[in-house]
């Protein structure tokens, strides 16, 4: 009798642990979260950062500086 009760309790605990892992949040992202970092870049106001690495362009034969936007990831190259 005690063995059956212990088995029943263990099965109930296992079921609750397994069923709790399937919870999916359905919260909609706020407009602030949805458009974060996109509006300024769309208007042409990027936040450029210098990318260190390859600084010499073989095709142009010049030293170049590579920039990457911190918000959207767009890249631009400036030759010297």
N, C-alpha and C. Protein backbone atom coordinates (compact mmCIF):
# COMPACT_ATOMS: atom_id res chain seq x y z
N UNK A 1 0.82 -1.19 0.00
CA UNK A 1 0.00 0.00 0.00
C UNK A 1 0.86 1.25 0.00
N UNK A 2 1.90 1.27 0.81
CA UNK A 2 2.76 2.45 0.87
C UNK A 2 3.53 2.62 -0.43
N UNK A 3 3.94 1.54 -1.05
CA UNK A 3 4.69 1.60 -2.30
C UNK A 3 3.85 2.22 -3.42
N UNK A 4 2.58 1.91 -3.46
CA UNK A 4 1.68 2.47 -4.47
C UNK A 4 1.50 3.97 -4.24
N UNK A 5 1.41 4.39 -3.00
CA UNK A 5 1.24 5.82 -2.69
C UNK A 5 2.49 6.61 -3.07
N UNK A 6 3.65 6.06 -2.79
CA UNK A 6 4.91 6.72 -3.14
C UNK A 6 5.04 6.81 -4.65
N UNK A 7 4.68 5.75 -5.35
CA UNK A 7 4.74 5.77 -6.82
C UNK A 7 3.79 6.81 -7.39
N UNK A 8 2.59 6.92 -6.81
CA UNK A 8 1.61 7.90 -7.28
C UNK A 8 2.13 9.33 -7.07
N UNK A 9 2.74 9.59 -5.95
CA UNK A 9 3.27 10.93 -5.65
C UNK A 9 4.41 11.26 -6.60
N UNK A 10 5.30 10.31 -6.86
CA UNK A 10 6.41 10.54 -7.79
C UNK A 10 5.90 10.81 -9.21
N UNK A 11 4.87 10.08 -9.62
CA UNK A 11 4.30 10.32 -10.96
C UNK A 11 3.68 11.71 -11.05
N UNK A 12 3.00 12.15 -10.00
CA UNK A 12 2.40 13.48 -10.00
C UNK A 12 3.47 14.56 -10.05
N UNK A 13 4.56 14.38 -9.31
CA UNK A 13 5.64 15.37 -9.33
C UNK A 13 6.31 15.42 -10.69
N UNK A 14 6.53 14.28 -11.30
CA UNK A 14 7.15 14.24 -12.62
C UNK A 14 6.24 14.91 -13.65
N UNK A 15 4.93 14.71 -13.55
CA UNK A 15 3.99 15.32 -14.48
C UNK A 15 4.00 16.84 -14.35
N UNK A 16 4.04 17.35 -13.12
CA UNK A 16 4.03 18.81 -12.94
C UNK A 16 5.33 19.43 -13.43
N UNK A 17 6.45 18.76 -13.24
CA UNK A 17 7.73 19.28 -13.72
C UNK A 17 7.75 19.31 -15.24
N UNK A 18 7.28 18.25 -15.87
CA UNK A 18 7.26 18.20 -17.33
C UNK A 18 6.26 19.19 -17.93
N UNK A 19 5.13 19.36 -17.29
CA UNK A 19 4.12 20.27 -17.85
C UNK A 19 4.53 21.73 -17.66
N UNK A 20 5.34 22.04 -16.67
CA UNK A 20 5.76 23.42 -16.44
C UNK A 20 6.78 23.87 -17.47
N UNK A 21 7.49 22.97 -18.10
CA UNK A 21 8.51 23.35 -19.06
C UNK A 21 7.91 23.73 -20.42
N UNK A 22 6.64 23.48 -20.66
CA UNK A 22 6.01 23.78 -21.93
C UNK A 22 5.31 25.14 -21.95
N UNK A 23 5.53 25.98 -20.97
CA UNK A 23 4.88 27.29 -20.90
C UNK A 23 5.55 28.24 -21.88
N UNK A 24 4.76 28.86 -22.75
CA UNK A 24 5.28 29.79 -23.75
C UNK A 24 4.70 31.17 -23.46
N UNK A 25 5.56 32.19 -23.31
CA UNK A 25 5.02 33.53 -23.05
C UNK A 25 4.42 34.12 -24.32
N UNK A 26 3.23 34.73 -24.21
CA UNK A 26 2.56 35.32 -25.35
C UNK A 26 2.48 36.84 -25.23
N UNK A 27 3.44 37.44 -24.57
CA UNK A 27 3.44 38.89 -24.40
C UNK A 27 3.90 39.54 -25.70
N UNK A 28 3.12 40.50 -26.18
CA UNK A 28 3.50 41.23 -27.38
C UNK A 28 4.61 42.21 -27.06
N UNK A 29 5.56 42.37 -27.97
CA UNK A 29 6.59 43.37 -27.72
C UNK A 29 6.01 44.77 -27.86
N UNK A 30 6.46 45.65 -27.00
CA UNK A 30 5.98 47.03 -27.07
C UNK A 30 6.56 47.70 -28.31
N UNK A 31 5.95 48.78 -28.80
CA UNK A 31 6.51 49.47 -29.97
C UNK A 31 7.95 49.92 -29.75
N UNK A 32 8.29 50.27 -28.52
CA UNK A 32 9.67 50.68 -28.21
C UNK A 32 10.63 49.52 -28.43
N UNK A 33 10.25 48.32 -27.98
CA UNK A 33 11.11 47.15 -28.16
C UNK A 33 11.13 46.70 -29.62
N UNK A 34 10.00 46.84 -30.31
CA UNK A 34 9.89 46.36 -31.68
C UNK A 34 10.76 47.18 -32.64
N UNK A 35 10.85 48.48 -32.43
CA UNK A 35 11.57 49.35 -33.35
C UNK A 35 12.87 49.88 -32.76
N UNK A 36 13.40 49.21 -31.76
CA UNK A 36 14.61 49.69 -31.10
C UNK A 36 15.79 49.69 -32.06
N UNK A 37 16.42 50.84 -32.23
CA UNK A 37 17.61 50.97 -33.04
C UNK A 37 17.38 51.03 -34.54
N UNK A 38 16.14 51.14 -35.00
CA UNK A 38 15.87 51.12 -36.43
C UNK A 38 15.51 52.49 -36.98
N UNK A 39 14.88 53.33 -36.20
CA UNK A 39 14.34 54.57 -36.75
C UNK A 39 15.43 55.56 -37.12
N UNK A 40 16.46 55.68 -36.32
CA UNK A 40 17.54 56.61 -36.63
C UNK A 40 18.31 56.15 -37.86
N UNK A 41 18.58 54.87 -37.96
CA UNK A 41 19.34 54.35 -39.09
C UNK A 41 18.55 54.47 -40.39
N UNK A 42 17.24 54.29 -40.34
CA UNK A 42 16.42 54.45 -41.54
C UNK A 42 16.45 55.88 -42.04
N UNK A 43 16.62 56.81 -41.13
CA UNK A 43 16.67 58.23 -41.51
C UNK A 43 18.07 58.66 -41.92
N UNK A 44 19.05 57.77 -41.85
CA UNK A 44 20.41 58.09 -42.27
C UNK A 44 21.33 58.50 -41.15
N UNK A 45 20.90 58.41 -39.92
CA UNK A 45 21.72 58.79 -38.77
C UNK A 45 22.28 57.54 -38.11
N UNK A 46 23.31 56.98 -38.72
CA UNK A 46 23.94 55.77 -38.19
C UNK A 46 24.90 56.13 -37.06
N UNK A 47 25.26 55.13 -36.28
CA UNK A 47 26.23 55.30 -35.20
C UNK A 47 27.46 54.48 -35.60
N UNK A 48 28.38 55.12 -36.33
CA UNK A 48 29.51 54.42 -36.92
C UNK A 48 30.59 54.14 -35.89
N UNK A 49 31.16 52.94 -35.96
CA UNK A 49 32.30 52.54 -35.15
C UNK A 49 33.37 51.97 -36.08
N UNK A 50 34.62 52.23 -35.77
CA UNK A 50 35.73 51.72 -36.57
C UNK A 50 35.91 50.24 -36.29
N UNK A 51 36.01 49.44 -37.37
CA UNK A 51 36.24 48.00 -37.26
C UNK A 51 37.72 47.76 -37.47
N UNK A 52 38.38 47.21 -36.47
CA UNK A 52 39.81 46.91 -36.61
C UNK A 52 39.96 45.59 -37.32
N UNK A 53 41.04 45.44 -38.04
CA UNK A 53 41.26 44.21 -38.80
C UNK A 53 41.98 44.56 -40.09
N UNK A 54 41.44 44.11 -41.20
CA UNK A 54 42.06 44.35 -42.50
C UNK A 54 41.99 45.84 -42.83
N UNK A 55 43.15 46.52 -42.90
CA UNK A 55 43.19 47.96 -43.11
C UNK A 55 43.76 48.33 -44.48
N UNK A 56 44.11 47.32 -45.29
CA UNK A 56 44.67 47.60 -46.61
C UNK A 56 43.82 46.89 -47.66
N UNK A 57 43.32 47.65 -48.63
CA UNK A 57 42.50 47.07 -49.70
C UNK A 57 43.38 46.77 -50.89
N UNK A 58 43.42 45.52 -51.31
CA UNK A 58 44.29 45.10 -52.41
C UNK A 58 43.79 45.67 -53.73
N UNK A 59 42.49 45.71 -53.94
CA UNK A 59 41.94 46.18 -55.21
C UNK A 59 42.23 47.66 -55.44
N UNK A 60 42.04 48.47 -54.40
CA UNK A 60 42.28 49.91 -54.53
C UNK A 60 43.75 50.25 -54.33
N UNK A 61 44.48 49.42 -53.63
CA UNK A 61 45.88 49.69 -53.35
C UNK A 61 46.07 50.81 -52.35
N UNK A 62 45.13 50.99 -51.47
CA UNK A 62 45.17 52.09 -50.50
C UNK A 62 44.84 51.57 -49.10
N UNK A 63 45.20 52.40 -48.14
CA UNK A 63 44.75 52.13 -46.78
C UNK A 63 43.29 52.51 -46.68
N UNK A 64 42.52 51.68 -46.04
CA UNK A 64 41.09 51.95 -45.89
C UNK A 64 40.70 51.83 -44.43
N UNK A 65 39.61 52.49 -44.09
CA UNK A 65 39.02 52.38 -42.76
C UNK A 65 37.63 51.81 -42.93
N UNK A 66 37.35 50.71 -42.25
CA UNK A 66 36.03 50.10 -42.30
C UNK A 66 35.23 50.56 -41.10
N UNK A 67 34.00 50.98 -41.36
CA UNK A 67 33.08 51.39 -40.32
C UNK A 67 31.88 50.45 -40.31
N UNK A 68 31.34 50.21 -39.11
CA UNK A 68 30.14 49.40 -38.98
C UNK A 68 29.20 50.11 -38.02
N UNK A 69 27.92 50.19 -38.41
CA UNK A 69 26.93 50.83 -37.55
C UNK A 69 26.68 49.96 -36.33
N UNK A 70 26.70 50.58 -35.18
CA UNK A 70 26.52 49.86 -33.93
C UNK A 70 25.09 49.36 -33.77
N UNK A 71 24.12 50.08 -34.36
CA UNK A 71 22.71 49.72 -34.19
C UNK A 71 22.22 48.71 -35.22
N UNK A 72 22.47 48.96 -36.51
CA UNK A 72 21.87 48.10 -37.54
C UNK A 72 22.86 47.16 -38.21
N UNK A 73 24.18 47.39 -38.08
CA UNK A 73 25.17 46.48 -38.64
C UNK A 73 25.62 46.82 -40.05
N UNK A 74 25.12 47.92 -40.63
CA UNK A 74 25.51 48.30 -41.98
C UNK A 74 27.00 48.69 -41.98
N UNK A 75 27.70 48.37 -43.09
CA UNK A 75 29.14 48.68 -43.18
C UNK A 75 29.40 49.69 -44.28
N UNK A 76 30.45 50.49 -44.07
CA UNK A 76 30.92 51.38 -45.12
C UNK A 76 32.44 51.40 -45.06
N UNK A 77 33.07 51.69 -46.20
CA UNK A 77 34.52 51.71 -46.32
C UNK A 77 34.94 53.09 -46.81
N UNK A 78 35.95 53.64 -46.15
CA UNK A 78 36.46 54.96 -46.53
C UNK A 78 37.93 54.83 -46.85
N UNK A 79 38.31 55.23 -48.08
CA UNK A 79 39.71 55.15 -48.51
C UNK A 79 40.44 56.43 -48.14
N UNK A 80 41.75 56.31 -47.88
CA UNK A 80 42.55 57.48 -47.52
C UNK A 80 43.49 57.84 -48.64
